[in-house]
PDB file of N, CA and C in Angstrom:
ATOM      1  N   MET A   1      82.572  60.737 137.945  1.00  0.00           N
ATOM      2  CA  MET A   1      83.545  60.642 139.011  1.00  0.00           C
ATOM      3  C   MET A   1      83.359  59.298 139.726  1.00  0.00           C
ATOM      4  N   ARG A   2      84.451  58.618 139.946  1.00  0.00           N
ATOM      5  CA  ARG A   2      84.421  57.319 140.617  1.00  0.00           C
ATOM      6  C   ARG A   2      84.789  57.508 142.080  1.00  0.00           C
ATOM      7  N   THR A   3      84.020  56.873 142.929  1.00  0.00           N
ATOM      8  CA  THR A   3      84.315  56.931 144.360  1.00  0.00           C
ATOM      9  C   THR A   3      84.830  55.574 144.815  1.00  0.00           C
ATOM     10  N   THR A   4      85.562  55.581 145.875  1.00  0.00           N
ATOM     11  CA  THR A   4      86.082  54.342 146.429  1.00  0.00           C
ATOM     12  C   THR A   4      85.020  53.718 147.316  1.00  0.00           C
ATOM     13  N   CYS A   5      84.761  52.454 147.089  1.00  0.00           N
ATOM     14  CA  CYS A   5      83.774  51.726 147.881  1.00  0.00           C
ATOM     15  C   CYS A   5      84.517  50.919 148.941  1.00  0.00           C
ATOM     16  N   HIS A   6      84.101  51.036 150.148  1.00  0.00           N
ATOM     17  CA  HIS A   6      84.690  50.260 151.235  1.00  0.00           C
ATOM     18  C   HIS A   6      83.662  49.254 151.724  1.00  0.00           C
ATOM     19  N   LEU A   7      84.086  48.025 151.832  1.00  0.00           N
ATOM     20  CA  LEU A   7      83.183  46.998 152.319  1.00  0.00           C
ATOM     21  C   LEU A   7      82.908  47.214 153.794  1.00  0.00           C
ATOM     22  N   ASN A   8      81.674  47.167 154.153  1.00  0.00           N
ATOM     23  CA  ASN A   8      81.266  47.335 155.544  1.00  0.00           C
ATOM     24  C   ASN A   8      81.015  45.982 156.180  1.00  0.00           C
ATOM     25  N   LEU A   9      81.955  45.095 156.000  1.00  0.00           N
ATOM     26  CA  LEU A   9      81.863  43.770 156.596  1.00  0.00           C
ATOM     27  C   LEU A   9      82.824  43.701 157.765  1.00  0.00           C
ATOM     28  N   VAL A  10      82.396  43.047 158.803  1.00  0.00           N
ATOM     29  CA  VAL A  10      83.252  42.861 159.969  1.00  0.00           C
ATOM     30  C   VAL A  10      83.873  41.482 159.871  1.00  0.00           C
ATOM     31  N   VAL A  11      85.177  41.443 159.956  1.00  0.00           N
ATOM     32  CA  VAL A  11      85.902  40.174 159.916  1.00  0.00           C
ATOM     33  C   VAL A  11      86.394  39.884 161.318  1.00  0.00           C
ATOM     34  N   LEU A  12      86.071  38.713 161.802  1.00  0.00           N
ATOM     35  CA  LEU A  12      86.487  38.332 163.143  1.00  0.00           C
ATOM     36  C   LEU A  12      87.724  37.462 163.071  1.00  0.00           C
ATOM     37  N   HIS A  13      88.735  37.864 163.779  1.00  0.00           N
ATOM     38  CA  HIS A  13      89.957  37.075 163.886  1.00  0.00           C
ATOM     39  C   HIS A  13      89.952  36.456 165.274  1.00  0.00           C
ATOM     40  N   ASP A  14      89.925  35.161 165.339  1.00  0.00           N
ATOM     41  CA  ASP A  14      89.856  34.501 166.637  1.00  0.00           C
ATOM     42  C   ASP A  14      91.185  33.881 167.041  1.00  0.00           C
ATOM     43  N   LEU A  15      92.269  34.324 166.443  1.00  0.00           N
ATOM     44  CA  LEU A  15      93.573  33.754 166.751  1.00  0.00           C
ATOM     45  C   LEU A  15      94.300  34.480 167.880  1.00  0.00           C
ATOM     46  N   GLU A  16      93.827  35.639 168.269  1.00  0.00           N
ATOM     47  CA  GLU A  16      94.537  36.412 169.290  1.00  0.00           C
ATOM     48  C   GLU A  16      94.645  35.668 170.615  1.00  0.00           C
ATOM     49  N   ASP A  17      93.563  35.036 171.058  1.00  0.00           N
ATOM     50  CA  ASP A  17      93.606  34.294 172.315  1.00  0.00           C
ATOM     51  C   ASP A  17      94.548  33.094 172.215  1.00  0.00           C
ATOM     52  N   VAL A  18      94.513  32.426 171.076  1.00  0.00           N
ATOM     53  CA  VAL A  18      95.393  31.272 170.868  1.00  0.00           C
ATOM     54  C   VAL A  18      96.845  31.736 170.847  1.00  0.00           C
ATOM     55  N   ARG A  19      97.107  32.802 170.103  1.00  0.00           N
ATOM     56  CA  ARG A  19      98.474  33.329 170.030  1.00  0.00           C
ATOM     57  C   ARG A  19      98.983  33.704 171.421  1.00  0.00           C
ATOM     58  N   ALA A  20      98.142  34.385 172.194  1.00  0.00           N
ATOM     59  CA  ALA A  20      98.534  34.803 173.541  1.00  0.00           C
ATOM     60  C   ALA A  20      98.821  33.593 174.429  1.00  0.00           C
ATOM     61  N   ALA A  21      98.018  32.555 174.330  1.00  0.00           N
ATOM     62  CA  ALA A  21      98.218  31.358 175.143  1.00  0.00           C
ATOM     63  C   ALA A  21      99.530  30.655 174.774  1.00  0.00           C
ATOM     64  N   VAL A  22      99.824  30.577 173.482  1.00  0.00           N
ATOM     65  CA  VAL A  22     101.068  29.933 173.053  1.00  0.00           C
ATOM     66  C   VAL A  22     102.269  30.782 173.470  1.00  0.00           C
ATOM     67  N   GLU A  23     102.172  32.096 173.343  1.00  0.00           N
ATOM     68  CA  GLU A  23     103.265  32.976 173.779  1.00  0.00           C
ATOM     69  C   GLU A  23     103.516  32.844 175.279  1.00  0.00           C
ATOM     70  N   GLU A  24     102.444  32.754 176.049  1.00  0.00           N
ATOM     71  CA  GLU A  24     102.568  32.583 177.499  1.00  0.00           C
ATOM     72  C   GLU A  24     103.231  31.246 177.826  1.00  0.00           C
ATOM     73  N   ALA A  25     102.805  30.189 177.147  1.00  0.00           N
ATOM     74  CA  ALA A  25     103.412  28.875 177.373  1.00  0.00           C
ATOM     75  C   ALA A  25     104.889  28.887 176.968  1.00  0.00           C
ATOM     76  N   LEU A  26     105.201  29.581 175.881  1.00  0.00           N
ATOM     77  CA  LEU A  26     106.591  29.666 175.430  1.00  0.00           C
ATOM     78  C   LEU A  26     107.460  30.416 176.441  1.00  0.00           C
ATOM     79  N   ALA A  27     106.892  31.433 177.062  1.00  0.00           N
ATOM     80  CA  ALA A  27     107.643  32.204 178.056  1.00  0.00           C
ATOM     81  C   ALA A  27     108.036  31.355 179.258  1.00  0.00           C
ATOM     82  N   HIS A  28     107.258  30.319 179.544  1.00  0.00           N
ATOM     83  CA  HIS A  28     107.525  29.469 180.709  1.00  0.00           C
ATOM     84  C   HIS A  28     107.974  28.055 180.318  1.00  0.00           C
ATOM     85  N   ALA A  29     108.290  27.857 179.051  1.00  0.00           N
ATOM     86  CA  ALA A  29     108.629  26.515 178.567  1.00  0.00           C
ATOM     87  C   ALA A  29     110.069  26.144 178.892  1.00  0.00           C
ATOM     88  N   ASP A  30     110.271  24.851 179.060  1.00  0.00           N
ATOM     89  CA  ASP A  30     111.647  24.372 179.225  1.00  0.00           C
ATOM     90  C   ASP A  30     112.241  24.141 177.828  1.00  0.00           C
ATOM     91  N   ALA A  31     113.494  23.770 177.783  1.00  0.00           N
ATOM     92  CA  ALA A  31     114.213  23.627 176.516  1.00  0.00           C
ATOM     93  C   ALA A  31     113.586  22.574 175.594  1.00  0.00           C
ATOM     94  N   ALA A  32     112.970  21.568 176.172  1.00  0.00           N
ATOM     95  CA  ALA A  32     112.359  20.522 175.356  1.00  0.00           C
ATOM     96  C   ALA A  32     111.044  20.976 174.715  1.00  0.00           C
ATOM     97  N   GLU A  33     110.294  21.803 175.412  1.00  0.00           N
ATOM     98  CA  GLU A  33     108.993  22.264 174.912  1.00  0.00           C
ATOM     99  C   GLU A  33     109.105  23.442 173.957  1.00  0.00           C
ATOM    100  N   ALA A  34     110.127  24.279 174.123  1.00  0.00           N
ATOM    101  CA  ALA A  34     110.232  25.535 173.380  1.00  0.00           C
ATOM    102  C   ALA A  34     110.205  25.375 171.859  1.00  0.00           C
ATOM    103  N   PRO A  35     110.936  24.433 171.260  1.00  0.00           N
ATOM    104  CA  PRO A  35     110.901  24.331 169.795  1.00  0.00           C
ATOM    105  C   PRO A  35     109.493  24.063 169.241  1.00  0.00           C
ATOM    106  N   GLY A  36     108.762  23.202 169.906  1.00  0.00           N
ATOM    107  CA  GLY A  36     107.396  22.905 169.459  1.00  0.00           C
ATOM    108  C   GLY A  36     106.481  24.106 169.592  1.00  0.00           C
ATOM    109  N   LEU A  37     106.636  24.838 170.677  1.00  0.00           N
ATOM    110  CA  LEU A  37     105.813  26.030 170.864  1.00  0.00           C
ATOM    111  C   LEU A  37     106.180  27.127 169.868  1.00  0.00           C
ATOM    112  N   ARG A  38     107.474  27.264 169.547  1.00  0.00           N
ATOM    113  CA  ARG A  38     107.872  28.238 168.523  1.00  0.00           C
ATOM    114  C   ARG A  38     107.284  27.859 167.170  1.00  0.00           C
ATOM    115  N   LYS A  39     107.267  26.569 166.862  1.00  0.00           N
ATOM    116  CA  LYS A  39     106.670  26.090 165.614  1.00  0.00           C
ATOM    117  C   LYS A  39     105.168  26.383 165.606  1.00  0.00           C
ATOM    118  N   ALA A  40     104.498  26.139 166.719  1.00  0.00           N
ATOM    119  CA  ALA A  40     103.064  26.437 166.819  1.00  0.00           C
ATOM    120  C   ALA A  40     102.809  27.923 166.601  1.00  0.00           C
ATOM    121  N   LEU A  41     103.638  28.762 167.177  1.00  0.00           N
ATOM    122  CA  LEU A  41     103.495  30.201 167.014  1.00  0.00           C
ATOM    123  C   LEU A  41     103.685  30.608 165.554  1.00  0.00           C
ATOM    124  N   SER A  42     104.637  29.998 164.874  1.00  0.00           N
ATOM    125  CA  SER A  42     104.837  30.331 163.454  1.00  0.00           C
ATOM    126  C   SER A  42     103.650  29.868 162.608  1.00  0.00           C
ATOM    127  N   LEU A  43     103.036  28.744 162.969  1.00  0.00           N
ATOM    128  CA  LEU A  43     101.843  28.277 162.250  1.00  0.00           C
ATOM    129  C   LEU A  43     100.663  29.214 162.465  1.00  0.00           C
ATOM    130  N   ILE A  44     100.530  29.727 163.679  1.00  0.00           N
ATOM    131  CA  ILE A  44      99.455  30.691 163.971  1.00  0.00           C
ATOM    132  C   ILE A  44      99.663  31.952 163.149  1.00  0.00           C
ATOM    133  N   GLU A  45     100.900  32.433 163.097  1.00  0.00           N
ATOM    134  CA  GLU A  45     101.204  33.636 162.308  1.00  0.00           C
ATOM    135  C   GLU A  45     100.882  33.410 160.836  1.00  0.00           C
ATOM    136  N   ALA A  46     101.202  32.234 160.318  1.00  0.00           N
ATOM    137  CA  ALA A  46     100.931  31.931 158.916  1.00  0.00           C
ATOM    138  C   ALA A  46      99.428  31.855 158.641  1.00  0.00           C
ATOM    139  N   ALA A  47      98.659  31.425 159.639  1.00  0.00           N
ATOM    140  CA  ALA A  47      97.212  31.309 159.460  1.00  0.00           C
ATOM    141  C   ALA A  47      96.506  32.650 159.537  1.00  0.00           C
ATOM    142  N   ALA A  48      97.140  33.618 160.170  1.00  0.00           N
ATOM    143  CA  ALA A  48      96.546  34.952 160.282  1.00  0.00           C
ATOM    144  C   ALA A  48      96.560  35.588 158.902  1.00  0.00           C
ATOM    145  N   ARG A  49      95.407  36.009 158.453  1.00  0.00           N
ATOM    146  CA  ARG A  49      95.278  36.604 157.124  1.00  0.00           C
ATOM    147  C   ARG A  49      94.680  37.988 157.245  1.00  0.00           C
ATOM    148  N   SER A  50      94.819  38.738 156.181  1.00  0.00           N
ATOM    149  CA  SER A  50      94.245  40.082 156.164  1.00  0.00           C
ATOM    150  C   SER A  50      92.725  39.992 156.081  1.00  0.00           C
ATOM    151  N   ASP A  51      92.066  41.087 156.424  1.00  0.00           N
ATOM    152  CA  ASP A  51      90.613  41.141 156.318  1.00  0.00           C
ATOM    153  C   ASP A  51      90.171  40.844 154.888  1.00  0.00           C
ATOM    154  N   GLU A  52      90.878  41.424 153.915  1.00  0.00           N
ATOM    155  CA  GLU A  52      90.507  41.209 152.517  1.00  0.00           C
ATOM    156  C   GLU A  52      90.629  39.743 152.137  1.00  0.00           C
ATOM    157  N   ASP A  53      91.696  39.089 152.569  1.00  0.00           N
ATOM    158  CA  ASP A  53      91.866  37.662 152.271  1.00  0.00           C
ATOM    159  C   ASP A  53      90.717  36.836 152.844  1.00  0.00           C
ATOM    160  N   LEU A  54      90.306  37.158 154.062  1.00  0.00           N
ATOM    161  CA  LEU A  54      89.204  36.419 154.693  1.00  0.00           C
ATOM    162  C   LEU A  54      87.883  36.674 153.989  1.00  0.00           C
ATOM    163  N   LYS A  55      87.658  37.905 153.544  1.00  0.00           N
ATOM    164  CA  LYS A  55      86.429  38.227 152.804  1.00  0.00           C
ATOM    165  C   LYS A  55      86.384  37.458 151.484  1.00  0.00           C
ATOM    166  N   ILE A  56      87.532  37.437 150.792  1.00  0.00           N
ATOM    167  CA  ILE A  56      87.600  36.719 149.518  1.00  0.00           C
ATOM    168  C   ILE A  56      87.372  35.229 149.742  1.00  0.00           C
ATOM    169  N   ARG A  57      87.986  34.672 150.779  1.00  0.00           N
ATOM    170  CA  ARG A  57      87.801  33.250 151.075  1.00  0.00           C
ATOM    171  C   ARG A  57      86.335  32.946 151.378  1.00  0.00           C
ATOM    172  N   TRP A  58      85.691  33.809 152.174  1.00  0.00           N
ATOM    173  CA  TRP A  58      84.267  33.601 152.483  1.00  0.00           C
ATOM    174  C   TRP A  58      83.438  33.636 151.202  1.00  0.00           C
ATOM    175  N   ALA A  59      83.695  34.630 150.352  1.00  0.00           N
ATOM    176  CA  ALA A  59      82.930  34.760 149.111  1.00  0.00           C
ATOM    177  C   ALA A  59      83.116  33.531 148.226  1.00  0.00           C
ATOM    178  N   ARG A  60      84.347  33.085 148.076  1.00  0.00           N
ATOM    179  CA  ARG A  60      84.610  31.927 147.220  1.00  0.00           C
ATOM    180  C   ARG A  60      83.968  30.654 147.773  1.00  0.00           C
ATOM    181  N   GLN A  61      84.034  30.469 149.095  1.00  0.00           N
ATOM    182  CA  GLN A  61      83.414  29.294 149.705  1.00  0.00           C
ATOM    183  C   GLN A  61      81.898  29.340 149.551  1.00  0.00           C
ATOM    184  N   THR A  62      81.334  30.515 149.749  1.00  0.00           N
ATOM    185  CA  THR A  62      79.883  30.683 149.615  1.00  0.00           C
ATOM    186  C   THR A  62      79.444  30.396 148.188  1.00  0.00           C
ATOM    187  N   LEU A  63      80.174  30.929 147.226  1.00  0.00           N
ATOM    188  CA  LEU A  63      79.827  30.710 145.821  1.00  0.00           C
ATOM    189  C   LEU A  63      80.034  29.261 145.416  1.00  0.00           C
ATOM    190  N   ASP A  64      81.063  28.640 145.943  1.00  0.00           N
ATOM    191  CA  ASP A  64      81.313  27.225 145.655  1.00  0.00           C
ATOM    192  C   ASP A  64      80.155  26.365 146.158  1.00  0.00           C
ATOM    193  N   ARG A  65      79.680  26.652 147.376  1.00  0.00           N
ATOM    194  CA  ARG A  65      78.536  25.900 147.927  1.00  0.00           C
ATOM    195  C   ARG A  65      77.277  26.112 147.090  1.00  0.00           C
ATOM    196  N   ALA A  66      77.174  27.291 146.463  1.00  0.00           N
ATOM    197  CA  ALA A  66      76.004  27.590 145.633  1.00  0.00           C
ATOM    198  C   ALA A  66      76.159  27.046 144.215  1.00  0.00           C
ATOM    199  N   GLY A  67      77.316  26.444 143.920  1.00  0.00           N
ATOM    200  CA  GLY A  67      77.536  25.882 142.599  1.00  0.00           C
ATOM    201  C   GLY A  67      77.895  26.915 141.544  1.00  0.00           C
ATOM    202  N   VAL A  68      78.422  28.054 141.983  1.00  0.00           N
ATOM    203  CA  VAL A  68      78.809  29.110 141.050  1.00  0.00           C
ATOM    204  C   VAL A  68      80.293  28.954 140.740  1.00  0.00           C
ATOM    205  N   ALA A  69      80.632  28.993 139.462  1.00  0.00           N
ATOM    206  CA  ALA A  69      82.023  28.811 139.031  1.00  0.00           C
ATOM    207  C   ALA A  69      82.900  29.964 139.491  1.00  0.00           C
ATOM    208  N   ALA A  70      84.139  29.644 139.825  1.00  0.00           N
ATOM    209  CA  ALA A  70      85.110  30.676 140.202  1.00  0.00           C
ATOM    210  C   ALA A  70      85.304  31.618 139.025  1.00  0.00           C
ATOM    211  N   GLY A  71      85.331  32.895 139.295  1.00  0.00           N
ATOM    212  CA  GLY A  71      85.522  33.886 138.250  1.00  0.00           C
ATOM    213  C   GLY A  71      84.237  34.416 137.641  1.00  0.00           C
ATOM    214  N   ASP A  72      83.105  33.808 137.974  1.00  0.00           N
ATOM    215  CA  ASP A  72      81.812  34.275 137.462  1.00  0.00           C
ATOM    216  C   ASP A  72      81.464  35.601 138.131  1.00  0.00           C
ATOM    217  N   THR A  73      81.148  36.602 137.353  1.00  0.00           N
ATOM    218  CA  THR A  73      80.778  37.913 137.905  1.00  0.00           C
ATOM    219  C   THR A  73      79.361  38.314 137.502  1.00  0.00           C
ATOM    220  N   SER A  74      78.542  37.347 137.217  1.00  0.00           N
ATOM    221  CA  SER A  74      77.166  37.619 136.781  1.00  0.00           C
ATOM    222  C   SER A  74      76.284  38.065 137.944  1.00  0.00           C
ATOM    223  N   THR A  75      75.089  38.505 137.584  1.00  0.00           N
ATOM    224  CA  THR A  75      74.130  38.911 138.620  1.00  0.00           C
ATOM    225  C   THR A  75      73.749  37.735 139.508  1.00  0.00           C
ATOM    226  N   ARG A  76      73.776  36.526 138.960  1.00  0.00           N
ATOM    227  CA  ARG A  76      73.473  35.342 139.782  1.00  0.00           C
ATOM    228  C   ARG A  76      74.486  35.231 140.923  1.00  0.00           C
ATOM    229  N   THR A  77      75.743  35.507 140.631  1.00  0.00           N
ATOM    230  CA  THR A  77      76.798  35.431 141.633  1.00  0.00           C
ATOM    231  C   THR A  77      76.541  36.437 142.751  1.00  0.00           C
ATOM    232  N   ILE A  78      76.212  37.637 142.368  1.00  0.00           N
ATOM    233  CA  ILE A  78      75.916  38.696 143.348  1.00  0.00           C
ATOM    234  C   ILE A  78      74.700  38.300 144.180  1.00  0.00           C
ATOM    235  N   ARG A  79      73.696  37.781 143.523  1.00  0.00           N
ATOM    236  CA  ARG A  79      72.479  37.352 144.228  1.00  0.00           C
ATOM    237  C   ARG A  79      72.780  36.255 145.239  1.00  0.00           C
ATOM    238  N   GLU A  80      73.652  35.308 144.871  1.00  0.00           N
ATOM    239  CA  GLU A  80      73.991  34.217 145.790  1.00  0.00           C
ATOM    240  C   GLU A  80      74.703  34.731 147.039  1.00  0.00           C
ATOM    241  N   LEU A  81      75.598  35.692 146.869  1.00  0.00           N
ATOM    242  CA  LEU A  81      76.255  36.269 148.049  1.00  0.00           C
ATOM    243  C   LEU A  81      75.257  36.986 148.933  1.00  0.00           C
ATOM    244  N   ARG A  82      74.357  37.729 148.316  1.00  0.00           N
ATOM    245  CA  ARG A  82      73.368  38.477 149.104  1.00  0.00           C
ATOM    246  C   ARG A  82      72.351  37.536 149.739  1.00  0.00           C
ATOM    247  N   ARG A  83      72.114  36.413 149.132  1.00  0.00           N
ATOM    248  CA  ARG A  83      71.224  35.411 149.743  1.00  0.00           C
ATOM    249  C   ARG A  83      71.902  34.810 150.975  1.00  0.00           C
ATOM    250  N   ALA A  84      73.197  34.575 150.888  1.00  0.00           N
ATOM    251  CA  ALA A  84      73.939  33.998 152.009  1.00  0.00           C
ATOM    252  C   ALA A  84      74.092  34.993 153.156  1.00  0.00           C
ATOM    253  N   ALA A  85      74.163  36.282 152.829  1.00  0.00           N
ATOM    254  CA  ALA A  85      74.315  37.338 153.843  1.00  0.00           C
ATOM    255  C   ALA A  85      73.349  38.468 153.489  1.00  0.00           C
ATOM    256  N   PRO A  86      72.099  38.370 153.932  1.00  0.00           N
ATOM    257  CA  PRO A  86      71.079  39.346 153.549  1.00  0.00           C
ATOM    258  C   PRO A  86      71.422  40.800 153.888  1.00  0.00           C
ATOM    259  N   GLN A  87      72.279  41.024 154.867  1.00  0.00           N
ATOM    260  CA  GLN A  87      72.651  42.387 155.228  1.00  0.00           C
ATOM    261  C   GLN A  87      73.686  42.980 154.275  1.00  0.00           C
ATOM    262  N   LEU A  88      74.201  42.178 153.367  1.00  0.00           N
ATOM    263  CA  LEU A  88      75.215  42.614 152.419  1.00  0.00           C
ATOM    264  C   LEU A  88      74.592  43.528 151.371  1.00  0.00           C
ATOM    265  N   GLY A  89      75.139  44.733 151.242  1.00  0.00           N
ATOM    266  CA  GLY A  89      74.638  45.689 150.258  1.00  0.00           C
ATOM    267  C   GLY A  89      75.050  45.303 148.848  1.00  0.00           C
ATOM    268  N   LEU A  90      74.379  45.904 147.879  1.00  0.00           N
ATOM    269  CA  LEU A  90      74.653  45.597 146.484  1.00  0.00           C
ATOM    270  C   LEU A  90      76.092  45.960 146.109  1.00  0.00           C
ATOM    271  N   ALA A  91      76.541  47.147 146.466  1.00  0.00           N
ATOM    272  CA  ALA A  91      77.906  47.571 146.126  1.00  0.00           C
ATOM    273  C   ALA A  91      78.938  46.656 146.782  1.00  0.00           C
ATOM    274  N   GLU A  92      78.672  46.250 148.013  1.00  0.00           N
ATOM    275  CA  GLU A  92      79.591  45.349 148.712  1.00  0.00           C
ATOM    276  C   GLU A  92      79.651  43.994 148.028  1.00  0.00           C
ATOM    277  N   ALA A  93      78.483  43.490 147.628  1.00  0.00           N
ATOM    278  CA  ALA A  93      78.437  42.189 146.955  1.00  0.00           C
ATOM    279  C   ALA A  93      79.175  42.248 145.617  1.00  0.00           C
ATOM    280  N   VAL A  94      78.988  43.332 144.885  1.00  0.00           N
ATOM    281  CA  VAL A  94      79.674  43.481 143.599  1.00  0.00           C
ATOM    282  C   VAL A  94      81.184  43.512 143.826  1.00  0.00           C
ATOM    283  N   GLU A  95      81.646  44.253 144.820  1.00  0.00           N
ATOM    284  CA  GLU A  95      83.075  44.312 145.089  1.00  0.00           C
ATOM    285  C   GLU A  95      83.623  42.954 145.518  1.00  0.00           C
ATOM    286  N   LEU A  96      82.892  42.243 146.346  1.00  0.00           N
ATOM    287  CA  LEU A  96      83.338  40.904 146.760  1.00  0.00           C
ATOM    288  C   LEU A  96      83.424  39.953 145.582  1.00  0.00           C
ATOM    289  N   VAL A  97      82.444  39.997 144.700  1.00  0.00           N
ATOM    290  CA  VAL A  97      82.457  39.136 143.511  1.00  0.00           C
ATOM    291  C   VAL A  97      83.662  39.482 142.636  1.00  0.00           C
ATOM    292  N   THR A  98      83.932  40.763 142.487  1.00  0.00           N
ATOM    293  CA  THR A  98      85.069  41.199 141.684  1.00  0.00           C
ATOM    294  C   THR A  98      86.390  40.742 142.308  1.00  0.00           C
ATOM    295  N   LEU A  99      86.521  40.926 143.619  1.00  0.00           N
ATOM    296  CA  LEU A  99      87.745  40.472 144.311  1.00  0.00           C
ATOM    297  C   LEU A  99      87.917  38.972 144.213  1.00  0.00           C
ATOM    298  N   ALA A 100      86.838  38.231 144.421  1.00  0.00           N
ATOM    299  CA  ALA A 100      86.903  36.777 144.369  1.00  0.00           C
ATOM    300  C   ALA A 100      87.277  36.298 142.964  1.00  0.00           C
ATOM    301  N   ALA A 101      86.811  36.994 141.943  1.00  0.00           N
ATOM    302  CA  ALA A 101      87.129  36.600 140.568  1.00  0.00           C
ATOM    303  C   ALA A 101      88.596  36.870 140.242  1.00  0.00           C
ATOM    304  N   LYS A 102      89.173  37.899 140.834  1.00  0.00           N
ATOM    305  CA  LYS A 102      90.577  38.248 140.574  1.00  0.00           C
ATOM    306  C   LYS A 102      91.549  37.318 141.279  1.00  0.00           C
ATOM    307  N   HIS A 103      91.134  36.773 142.414  1.00  0.00           N
ATOM    308  CA  HIS A 103      92.053  35.964 143.209  1.00  0.00           C
ATOM    309  C   HIS A 103      91.685  34.535 143.076  1.00  0.00           C
TER     310      HIS A 103
END
């Protein structure tokens, strides 16, 4: 029987304060400022990614710094992720390596 593994990683999104500040400025902007602030808001929205996307990006960046080729799913790859984040469990590291190899 196969069980679903859920990654127990916390992903921090630090765009909420920025988004709120731009929305507040847009609410009080004059006609000349509003287009630029709307564009900034759309850029913030585009930069906001899902937790899974951020986990995959972290894994790929970590593996790249370790000199591991994209798509490698060997034990060395898993070891490198766990070396970078010692609190990362084996099942979590395997899932991250698998996700990173697929994307």
